[in-house]
Amino acid sequence: MVSEFMLQQTPVARVLPVFLAWMQRWPTPADLAADSPGEAVRSWGRLGYPRRALRLHACATELTLRYDGAVPEQVEQLLELPGIGDYTARAIAAFAFGRRTPVVDTNVRRVLNRVVRGNTDAGPATAADRVLMESLLPAEPSVAARVSAAVMELGALVCTATNPDCPSCPLVDGCAWVAAGRPASEIRRTTQAWAGTDRQVRGRIMAVLRESTEPVPAAMIELVWDVPEQRERCLASLVADRLAVVLPDGTYALPG
C-alpha cells in the first residue's frame, strides 16, 4: 500500500530510498497512525504531491480503527479507504494478496492497445480496458496476479512508449499493432511546465516547513519567492489543503 501511494506519478528511483526509510520508521499502519500527519509530510520529502502523505496517514488511521491495523484483501473494502482509487485498490489486491483482478496502468493499457486493438494510443485507463484485461487473465488467482505483473513489466521495459523492443517481445507474433505496420499514435503528448508555476512555489514553501523543527515565521517564507501575490496564493492553498497550519502567533508549521 505504501509503495503504491508513493509510486503515483513518481518514478521508482526517487521512491525507493524514501520507501525504505518510511517502512523502517513506520512498519505497520498503527505505527504511522500513532504519529502526526505533519511527520508523514516531513518524511515524504521531495517526492512531490505531498497530499498523498496526508491521505496515506488518514488511510493508516482508518485501518487501525476499522481493521485492527490490517490491510483488507477485497477491492471493495480497499476502495472505501482514504486516498485509494480503482487502480491502487486492484494493485494491492493482486500484488499483495494474489487476487484475480485486472490491474491497468498506462503501461498495461499500451500493451492492450497494441497487442489486441492494433493501435498505440495512450491515456488513462478506462472501464473497457479493465474488462479486456480481465478477459485475458487465467482462472487461477495467483497465476492471474503474476500475469498482471508480467504485462505491467512488459509495458515498462519492452513495449515502451518510444522505441519498443518488438523483436524480444513474447507477444510479437500475435500483436495486432505489429501486423498493422506499427502505426503512429494520433495523440501528441504535451510536457507540463514547472518553472514559475504554483506547483514550484508550493514545493519551495513545503521544503522550508519540512526542514524546520520549529515554527516558521512569515518573513522566512517570503524569501522563497519574490512575487508576493503568487506566494500568498500558494501559501493559502497549502493551508486549505491542510499541508500547513497557521499558529496563533502568525507562524507556520506542518500539521500536528
C-alpha atoms as a PDB file:
ATOM      1  CA  MET A   1       0.000   0.000   0.000  1.00  0.00           C
ATOM      2  CA  VAL A   2       2.801   2.409   0.904  1.00  0.00           C
ATOM      3  CA  SER A   3       4.658   1.724  -2.330  1.00  0.00           C
ATOM      4  CA  GLU A   4       1.520   2.219  -4.433  1.00  0.00           C
ATOM      5  CA  PHE A   5       0.841   5.590  -2.796  1.00  0.00           C
ATOM      6  CA  MET A   6       4.433   6.703  -3.361  1.00  0.00           C
ATOM      7  CA  LEU A   7       4.673   5.448  -6.933  1.00  0.00           C
ATOM      8  CA  GLN A   8       1.726   7.519  -8.120  1.00  0.00           C
ATOM      9  CA  GLN A   9       3.303   9.944 -10.639  1.00  0.00           C
ATOM     10  CA  THR A  10       6.781   9.334  -9.171  1.00  0.00           C
ATOM     11  CA  PRO A  11       9.497   7.023 -10.603  1.00  0.00           C
ATOM     12  CA  VAL A  12      10.908   4.067  -8.670  1.00  0.00           C
ATOM     13  CA  ALA A  13      14.417   5.548  -8.382  1.00  0.00           C
ATOM     14  CA  ARG A  14      13.085   8.516  -6.399  1.00  0.00           C
ATOM     15  CA  VAL A  15      10.671   6.452  -4.341  1.00  0.00           C
ATOM     16  CA  LEU A  16      12.970   3.645  -3.177  1.00  0.00           C
ATOM     17  CA  PRO A  17      15.100   5.464  -0.547  1.00  0.00           C
ATOM     18  CA  VAL A  18      12.052   7.245   0.885  1.00  0.00           C
ATOM     19  CA  PHE A  19      10.082   3.987   0.936  1.00  0.00           C
ATOM     20  CA  LEU A  20      12.835   2.120   2.799  1.00  0.00           C
ATOM     21  CA  ALA A  21      13.200   4.867   5.411  1.00  0.00           C
ATOM     22  CA  TRP A  22       9.415   5.119   5.771  1.00  0.00           C
ATOM     23  CA  MET A  23       8.949   1.387   6.351  1.00  0.00           C
ATOM     24  CA  GLN A  24      11.782   1.316   8.881  1.00  0.00           C
ATOM     25  CA  ARG A  25      10.152   4.142  10.837  1.00  0.00           C
ATOM     26  CA  TRP A  26       6.533   3.006  10.447  1.00  0.00           C
ATOM     27  CA  PRO A  27       6.449  -0.747   9.689  1.00  0.00           C
ATOM     28  CA  THR A  28       2.714  -1.051  10.389  1.00  0.00           C
ATOM     29  CA  PRO A  29      -0.385   1.125   9.835  1.00  0.00           C
ATOM     30  CA  ALA A  30      -0.739   1.507  13.607  1.00  0.00           C
ATOM     31  CA  ASP A  31       2.789   2.908  13.858  1.00  0.00           C
ATOM     32  CA  LEU A  32       2.024   5.551  11.245  1.00  0.00           C
ATOM     33  CA  ALA A  33      -1.382   6.382  12.718  1.00  0.00           C
ATOM     34  CA  ALA A  34       0.212   6.974  16.132  1.00  0.00           C
ATOM     35  CA  ASP A  35       2.441   9.701  14.688  1.00  0.00           C
ATOM     36  CA  SER A  36       1.289  13.103  13.445  1.00  0.00           C
ATOM     37  CA  PRO A  37       0.217  13.932   9.869  1.00  0.00           C
ATOM     38  CA  GLY A  38       2.968  16.560   9.859  1.00  0.00           C
ATOM     39  CA  GLU A  39       5.653  13.939  10.406  1.00  0.00           C
ATOM     40  CA  ALA A  40       4.245  11.955   7.499  1.00  0.00           C
ATOM     41  CA  VAL A  41       4.512  15.054   5.296  1.00  0.00           C
ATOM     42  CA  ARG A  42       8.051  15.728   6.558  1.00  0.00           C
ATOM     43  CA  SER A  43       9.186  12.172   5.816  1.00  0.00           C
ATOM     44  CA  TRP A  44       7.581  12.354   2.373  1.00  0.00           C
ATOM     45  CA  GLY A  45      10.481  14.610   1.465  1.00  0.00           C
ATOM     46  CA  ARG A  46      10.660  15.734  -2.145  1.00  0.00           C
ATOM     47  CA  LEU A  47       8.518  13.011  -3.702  1.00  0.00           C
ATOM     48  CA  GLY A  48       6.016  15.645  -4.804  1.00  0.00           C
ATOM     49  CA  TYR A  49       2.237  15.796  -4.446  1.00  0.00           C
ATOM     50  CA  PRO A  50       2.512  15.780  -0.614  1.00  0.00           C
ATOM     51  CA  ARG A  51      -1.238  15.401  -0.186  1.00  0.00           C
ATOM     52  CA  ARG A  52      -0.516  11.729  -0.807  1.00  0.00           C
ATOM     53  CA  ALA A  53       1.287  11.676   2.563  1.00  0.00           C
ATOM     54  CA  LEU A  54      -1.790  13.058   4.316  1.00  0.00           C
ATOM     55  CA  ARG A  55      -4.006  10.518   2.571  1.00  0.00           C
ATOM     56  CA  LEU A  56      -1.683   7.675   3.492  1.00  0.00           C
ATOM     57  CA  HIS A  57      -1.725   8.812   7.123  1.00  0.00           C
ATOM     58  CA  ALA A  58      -5.531   9.008   7.034  1.00  0.00           C
ATOM     59  CA  CYS A  59      -5.613   5.551   5.471  1.00  0.00           C
ATOM     60  CA  ALA A  60      -3.378   4.138   8.228  1.00  0.00           C
ATOM     61  CA  THR A  61      -5.664   5.696  10.843  1.00  0.00           C
ATOM     62  CA  GLU A  62      -8.720   4.141   9.210  1.00  0.00           C
ATOM     63  CA  LEU A  63      -7.032   0.746   9.039  1.00  0.00           C
ATOM     64  CA  THR A  64      -6.152   0.949  12.717  1.00  0.00           C
ATOM     65  CA  LEU A  65      -9.694   1.886  13.722  1.00  0.00           C
ATOM     66  CA  ARG A  66     -11.705  -0.363  11.397  1.00  0.00           C
ATOM     67  CA  TYR A  67      -9.458  -3.329  10.597  1.00  0.00           C
ATOM     68  CA  ASP A  68      -7.305  -3.704  13.716  1.00  0.00           C
ATOM     69  CA  GLY A  69      -4.274  -2.444  11.784  1.00  0.00           C
ATOM     70  CA  ALA A  70      -4.533  -4.957   8.928  1.00  0.00           C
ATOM     71  CA  VAL A  71      -4.939  -4.178   5.230  1.00  0.00           C
ATOM     72  CA  PRO A  72      -8.117  -5.746   3.784  1.00  0.00           C
ATOM     73  CA  GLU A  73      -7.835  -8.039   0.772  1.00  0.00           C
ATOM     74  CA  GLN A  74     -11.057  -7.209  -1.048  1.00  0.00           C
ATOM     75  CA  VAL A  75     -11.151  -4.484  -3.709  1.00  0.00           C
ATOM     76  CA  GLU A  76     -14.496  -3.218  -2.398  1.00  0.00           C
ATOM     77  CA  GLN A  77     -13.083  -2.736   1.111  1.00  0.00           C
ATOM     78  CA  LEU A  78      -9.923  -1.095  -0.171  1.00  0.00           C
ATOM     79  CA  LEU A  79     -11.955   1.395  -2.213  1.00  0.00           C
ATOM     80  CA  GLU A  80     -13.599   2.636   0.992  1.00  0.00           C
ATOM     81  CA  LEU A  81     -10.241   3.776   2.412  1.00  0.00           C
ATOM     82  CA  PRO A  82      -8.970   7.373   2.078  1.00  0.00           C
ATOM     83  CA  GLY A  83      -6.815   8.082  -0.963  1.00  0.00           C
ATOM     84  CA  ILE A  84      -7.380   4.719  -2.654  1.00  0.00           C
ATOM     85  CA  GLY A  85      -8.847   4.700  -6.140  1.00  0.00           C
ATOM     86  CA  ASP A  86      -9.630   1.877  -8.510  1.00  0.00           C
ATOM     87  CA  TYR A  87      -6.076   1.260  -9.732  1.00  0.00           C
ATOM     88  CA  THR A  88      -4.496   1.308  -6.266  1.00  0.00           C
ATOM     89  CA  ALA A  89      -7.158  -0.968  -4.812  1.00  0.00           C
ATOM     90  CA  ARG A  90      -6.697  -3.528  -7.572  1.00  0.00           C
ATOM     91  CA  ALA A  91      -2.890  -3.325  -7.421  1.00  0.00           C
ATOM     92  CA  ILE A  92      -2.910  -4.051  -3.688  1.00  0.00           C
ATOM     93  CA  ALA A  93      -5.413  -6.884  -4.077  1.00  0.00           C
ATOM     94  CA  ALA A  94      -3.424  -8.506  -6.890  1.00  0.00           C
ATOM     95  CA  PHE A  95       0.189  -7.899  -5.895  1.00  0.00           C
ATOM     96  CA  ALA A  96      -0.127  -8.143  -2.099  1.00  0.00           C
ATOM     97  CA  PHE A  97      -2.808 -10.818  -1.844  1.00  0.00           C
ATOM     98  CA  GLY A  98      -2.734 -12.689  -5.170  1.00  0.00           C
ATOM     99  CA  ARG A  99      -6.312 -11.817  -6.123  1.00  0.00           C
ATOM    100  CA  ARG A 100      -7.637 -12.279  -9.645  1.00  0.00           C
ATOM    101  CA  THR A 101      -8.449  -8.700 -10.561  1.00  0.00           C
ATOM    102  CA  PRO A 102      -7.433  -6.603 -13.593  1.00  0.00           C
ATOM    103  CA  VAL A 103      -4.712  -4.044 -12.827  1.00  0.00           C
ATOM    104  CA  VAL A 104      -4.435  -1.475 -15.609  1.00  0.00           C
ATOM    105  CA  ASP A 105      -1.949   1.397 -15.597  1.00  0.00           C
ATOM    106  CA  THR A 106      -0.532   3.345 -18.555  1.00  0.00           C
ATOM    107  CA  ASN A 107       1.920   0.562 -19.395  1.00  0.00           C
ATOM    108  CA  VAL A 108      -0.746  -2.152 -19.329  1.00  0.00           C
ATOM    109  CA  ARG A 109      -3.119  -0.042 -21.400  1.00  0.00           C
ATOM    110  CA  ARG A 110      -0.416   0.451 -24.039  1.00  0.00           C
ATOM    111  CA  VAL A 111       0.184  -3.316 -24.268  1.00  0.00           C
ATOM    112  CA  LEU A 112      -3.549  -3.979 -24.585  1.00  0.00           C
ATOM    113  CA  ASN A 113      -3.968  -1.312 -27.243  1.00  0.00           C
ATOM    114  CA  ARG A 114      -1.071  -2.569 -29.327  1.00  0.00           C
ATOM    115  CA  VAL A 115      -1.444  -6.323 -28.973  1.00  0.00           C
ATOM    116  CA  VAL A 116      -5.245  -6.562 -29.082  1.00  0.00           C
ATOM    117  CA  ARG A 117      -6.544  -3.348 -30.639  1.00  0.00           C
ATOM    118  CA  GLY A 118      -3.709  -2.640 -33.062  1.00  0.00           C
ATOM    119  CA  ASN A 119      -3.057   0.980 -32.042  1.00  0.00           C
ATOM    120  CA  THR A 120      -0.651   2.765 -29.743  1.00  0.00           C
ATOM    121  CA  ASP A 121      -2.928   5.414 -28.247  1.00  0.00           C
ATOM    122  CA  ALA A 122      -2.202   6.093 -24.588  1.00  0.00           C
ATOM    123  CA  GLY A 123      -4.256   7.843 -21.961  1.00  0.00           C
ATOM    124  CA  PRO A 124      -5.880   6.962 -18.650  1.00  0.00           C
ATOM    125  CA  ALA A 125      -7.293   3.501 -18.078  1.00  0.00           C
ATOM    126  CA  THR A 126     -10.989   3.028 -18.763  1.00  0.00           C
ATOM    127  CA  ALA A 127     -13.619   0.527 -17.686  1.00  0.00           C
ATOM    128  CA  ALA A 128     -13.295  -1.071 -21.139  1.00  0.00           C
ATOM    129  CA  ASP A 129      -9.566  -1.623 -20.531  1.00  0.00           C
ATOM    130  CA  ARG A 130     -10.285  -3.370 -17.246  1.00  0.00           C
ATOM    131  CA  VAL A 131     -12.915  -5.581 -18.880  1.00  0.00           C
ATOM    132  CA  LEU A 132     -10.458  -6.517 -21.637  1.00  0.00           C
ATOM    133  CA  MET A 133      -7.645  -7.236 -19.187  1.00  0.00           C
ATOM    134  CA  GLU A 134      -9.904  -9.391 -17.036  1.00  0.00           C
ATOM    135  CA  SER A 135     -10.922 -11.435 -20.075  1.00  0.00           C
ATOM    136  CA  LEU A 136      -7.241 -12.271 -20.657  1.00  0.00           C
ATOM    137  CA  LEU A 137      -6.436 -13.339 -17.094  1.00  0.00           C
ATOM    138  CA  PRO A 138      -6.070 -17.043 -16.234  1.00  0.00           C
ATOM    139  CA  ALA A 139      -8.688 -18.503 -13.893  1.00  0.00           C
ATOM    140  CA  GLU A 140      -6.245 -19.357 -11.103  1.00  0.00           C
ATOM    141  CA  PRO A 141      -5.976 -16.225  -8.899  1.00  0.00           C
ATOM    142  CA  SER A 142      -2.257 -16.484  -8.092  1.00  0.00           C
ATOM    143  CA  VAL A 143      -1.389 -17.069 -11.758  1.00  0.00           C
ATOM    144  CA  ALA A 144      -3.644 -14.179 -12.782  1.00  0.00           C
ATOM    145  CA  ALA A 145      -1.800 -11.886 -10.358  1.00  0.00           C
ATOM    146  CA  ARG A 146       1.544 -12.906 -11.904  1.00  0.00           C
ATOM    147  CA  VAL A 147       0.171 -12.252 -15.378  1.00  0.00           C
ATOM    148  CA  SER A 148      -0.930  -8.771 -14.283  1.00  0.00           C
ATOM    149  CA  ALA A 149       2.570  -8.061 -13.000  1.00  0.00           C
ATOM    150  CA  ALA A 150       4.130  -9.512 -16.161  1.00  0.00           C
ATOM    151  CA  VAL A 151       2.054  -7.374 -18.526  1.00  0.00           C
ATOM    152  CA  MET A 152       2.927  -4.287 -16.475  1.00  0.00           C
ATOM    153  CA  GLU A 153       6.632  -5.093 -16.694  1.00  0.00           C
ATOM    154  CA  LEU A 154       6.319  -5.836 -20.401  1.00  0.00           C
ATOM    155  CA  GLY A 155       4.902  -2.371 -20.986  1.00  0.00           C
ATOM    156  CA  ALA A 156       7.525  -0.706 -18.800  1.00  0.00           C
ATOM    157  CA  LEU A 157      10.599  -2.482 -20.209  1.00  0.00           C
ATOM    158  CA  VAL A 158       9.808  -3.871 -23.689  1.00  0.00           C
ATOM    159  CA  CYS A 159       6.603  -2.430 -25.127  1.00  0.00           C
ATOM    160  CA  THR A 160       7.674   1.101 -24.273  1.00  0.00           C
ATOM    161  CA  ALA A 161       6.034   4.291 -25.500  1.00  0.00           C
ATOM    162  CA  THR A 162       9.040   5.121 -27.684  1.00  0.00           C
ATOM    163  CA  ASN A 163      11.427   2.646 -29.348  1.00  0.00           C
ATOM    164  CA  PRO A 164       9.640  -0.566 -28.286  1.00  0.00           C
ATOM    165  CA  ASP A 165      11.802  -3.688 -28.492  1.00  0.00           C
ATOM    166  CA  CYS A 166       9.391  -5.754 -30.603  1.00  0.00           C
ATOM    167  CA  PRO A 167      11.889  -8.484 -31.595  1.00  0.00           C
ATOM    168  CA  SER A 168      12.299  -9.512 -27.950  1.00  0.00           C
ATOM    169  CA  CYS A 169       8.591  -9.328 -27.106  1.00  0.00           C
ATOM    170  CA  PRO A 170       6.989 -12.719 -26.340  1.00  0.00           C
ATOM    171  CA  LEU A 171       3.693 -11.458 -27.809  1.00  0.00           C
ATOM    172  CA  VAL A 172       5.068 -10.163 -31.108  1.00  0.00           C
ATOM    173  CA  ASP A 173       3.706 -12.999 -33.264  1.00  0.00           C
ATOM    174  CA  GLY A 174       0.136 -12.203 -32.266  1.00  0.00           C
ATOM    175  CA  CYS A 175       0.483  -8.433 -31.961  1.00  0.00           C
ATOM    176  CA  ALA A 176      -2.154  -6.569 -33.986  1.00  0.00           C
ATOM    177  CA  TRP A 177      -0.081  -3.371 -33.922  1.00  0.00           C
ATOM    178  CA  VAL A 178       2.949  -5.065 -35.459  1.00  0.00           C
ATOM    179  CA  ALA A 179       0.731  -6.764 -38.036  1.00  0.00           C
ATOM    180  CA  ALA A 180      -0.669  -3.326 -38.970  1.00  0.00           C
ATOM    181  CA  GLY A 181       2.810  -1.943 -39.576  1.00  0.00           C
ATOM    182  CA  ARG A 182       3.209  -0.235 -36.186  1.00  0.00           C
ATOM    183  CA  PRO A 183       1.051   2.847 -36.954  1.00  0.00           C
ATOM    184  CA  ALA A 184       1.992   6.019 -35.103  1.00  0.00           C
ATOM    185  CA  SER A 185      -0.226   7.388 -32.369  1.00  0.00           C
ATOM    186  CA  GLU A 186      -2.569  10.203 -33.278  1.00  0.00           C
ATOM    187  CA  ILE A 187      -2.221  11.623 -29.757  1.00  0.00           C
ATOM    188  CA  ARG A 188       0.514  14.205 -29.229  1.00  0.00           C
ATOM    189  CA  ARG A 189       1.947  14.341 -25.732  1.00  0.00           C
ATOM    190  CA  THR A 190       2.486  17.700 -24.107  1.00  0.00           C
ATOM    191  CA  THR A 191       5.112  18.457 -21.475  1.00  0.00           C
ATOM    192  CA  GLN A 192       3.778  20.023 -18.308  1.00  0.00           C
ATOM    193  CA  ALA A 193       5.524  23.255 -17.374  1.00  0.00           C
ATOM    194  CA  TRP A 194       7.185  23.524 -13.969  1.00  0.00           C
ATOM    195  CA  ALA A 195       9.286  26.690 -13.742  1.00  0.00           C
ATOM    196  CA  GLY A 196       7.312  29.594 -12.352  1.00  0.00           C
ATOM    197  CA  THR A 197       4.162  27.574 -11.648  1.00  0.00           C
ATOM    198  CA  ASP A 198       2.219  27.424  -8.396  1.00  0.00           C
ATOM    199  CA  ARG A 199       3.459  23.851  -8.006  1.00  0.00           C
ATOM    200  CA  GLN A 200       7.044  25.107  -7.874  1.00  0.00           C
ATOM    201  CA  VAL A 201       6.173  27.802  -5.334  1.00  0.00           C
ATOM    202  CA  ARG A 202       4.221  25.366  -3.162  1.00  0.00           C
ATOM    203  CA  GLY A 203       7.172  22.975  -3.307  1.00  0.00           C
ATOM    204  CA  ARG A 204       9.567  25.660  -2.089  1.00  0.00           C
ATOM    205  CA  ILE A 205       7.309  26.623   0.798  1.00  0.00           C
ATOM    206  CA  MET A 206       6.885  22.983   1.775  1.00  0.00           C
ATOM    207  CA  ALA A 207      10.666  22.499   1.720  1.00  0.00           C
ATOM    208  CA  VAL A 208      11.072  25.307   4.273  1.00  0.00           C
ATOM    209  CA  LEU A 209       8.401  23.797   6.547  1.00  0.00           C
ATOM    210  CA  ARG A 210       9.850  20.279   6.287  1.00  0.00           C
ATOM    211  CA  GLU A 211      13.399  21.350   7.050  1.00  0.00           C
ATOM    212  CA  SER A 212      12.498  23.319  10.170  1.00  0.00           C
ATOM    213  CA  THR A 213      11.820  21.674  13.514  1.00  0.00           C
ATOM    214  CA  GLU A 214      10.410  24.963  14.811  1.00  0.00           C
ATOM    215  CA  PRO A 215       7.502  27.092  13.581  1.00  0.00           C
ATOM    216  CA  VAL A 216       8.480  29.179  10.575  1.00  0.00           C
ATOM    217  CA  PRO A 217       7.914  32.952  10.635  1.00  0.00           C
ATOM    218  CA  ALA A 218       6.213  34.570   7.651  1.00  0.00           C
ATOM    219  CA  ALA A 219       9.405  36.525   6.909  1.00  0.00           C
ATOM    220  CA  MET A 220      11.242  33.279   6.180  1.00  0.00           C
ATOM    221  CA  ILE A 221       8.554  32.126   3.770  1.00  0.00           C
ATOM    222  CA  GLU A 222       8.737  35.464   1.979  1.00  0.00           C
ATOM    223  CA  LEU A 223      12.308  34.614   0.964  1.00  0.00           C
ATOM    224  CA  VAL A 224      11.313  31.590  -1.133  1.00  0.00           C
ATOM    225  CA  TRP A 225       9.539  33.551  -3.892  1.00  0.00           C
ATOM    226  CA  ASP A 226       9.673  37.186  -4.900  1.00  0.00           C
ATOM    227  CA  VAL A 227       6.169  37.505  -6.379  1.00  0.00           C
ATOM    228  CA  PRO A 228       4.032  38.350  -3.319  1.00  0.00           C
ATOM    229  CA  GLU A 229       0.623  37.669  -4.856  1.00  0.00           C
ATOM    230  CA  GLN A 230       1.594  34.229  -6.138  1.00  0.00           C
ATOM    231  CA  ARG A 231       3.445  33.348  -2.930  1.00  0.00           C
ATOM    232  CA  GLU A 232       0.469  34.292  -0.739  1.00  0.00           C
ATOM    233  CA  ARG A 233      -1.915  32.391  -3.010  1.00  0.00           C
ATOM    234  CA  CYS A 234       0.222  29.262  -2.781  1.00  0.00           C
ATOM    235  CA  LEU A 235       0.639  29.581   0.988  1.00  0.00           C
ATOM    236  CA  ALA A 236      -3.108  29.939   1.400  1.00  0.00           C
ATOM    237  CA  SER A 237      -3.692  26.862  -0.783  1.00  0.00           C
ATOM    238  CA  LEU A 238      -1.311  24.808   1.386  1.00  0.00           C
ATOM    239  CA  VAL A 239      -3.238  25.831   4.474  1.00  0.00           C
ATOM    240  CA  ALA A 240      -6.531  24.991   2.751  1.00  0.00           C
ATOM    241  CA  ASP A 241      -5.131  21.584   1.783  1.00  0.00           C
ATOM    242  CA  ARG A 242      -4.098  21.028   5.430  1.00  0.00           C
ATOM    243  CA  LEU A 243      -0.468  20.620   4.426  1.00  0.00           C
ATOM    244  CA  ALA A 244       0.406  23.651   6.565  1.00  0.00           C
ATOM    245  CA  VAL A 245      -1.182  25.306   9.598  1.00  0.00           C
ATOM    246  CA  VAL A 246      -1.146  28.881  10.852  1.00  0.00           C
ATOM    247  CA  LEU A 247      -0.303  29.100  14.543  1.00  0.00           C
ATOM    248  CA  PRO A 248      -1.785  31.765  16.869  1.00  0.00           C
ATOM    249  CA  ASP A 249       1.400  33.865  16.713  1.00  0.00           C
ATOM    250  CA  GLY A 250       1.249  34.033  12.895  1.00  0.00           C
ATOM    251  CA  THR A 251       3.974  31.470  12.252  1.00  0.00           C
ATOM    252  CA  TYR A 252       3.555  28.399  10.058  1.00  0.00           C
ATOM    253  CA  ALA A 253       4.186  24.696  10.629  1.00  0.00           C
ATOM    254  CA  LEU A 254       3.357  21.246   9.344  1.00  0.00           C
ATOM    255  CA  PRO A 255       0.078  19.814  10.673  1.00  0.00           C
ATOM    256  CA  GLY A 256       0.331  18.429  14.188  1.00  0.00           C
END
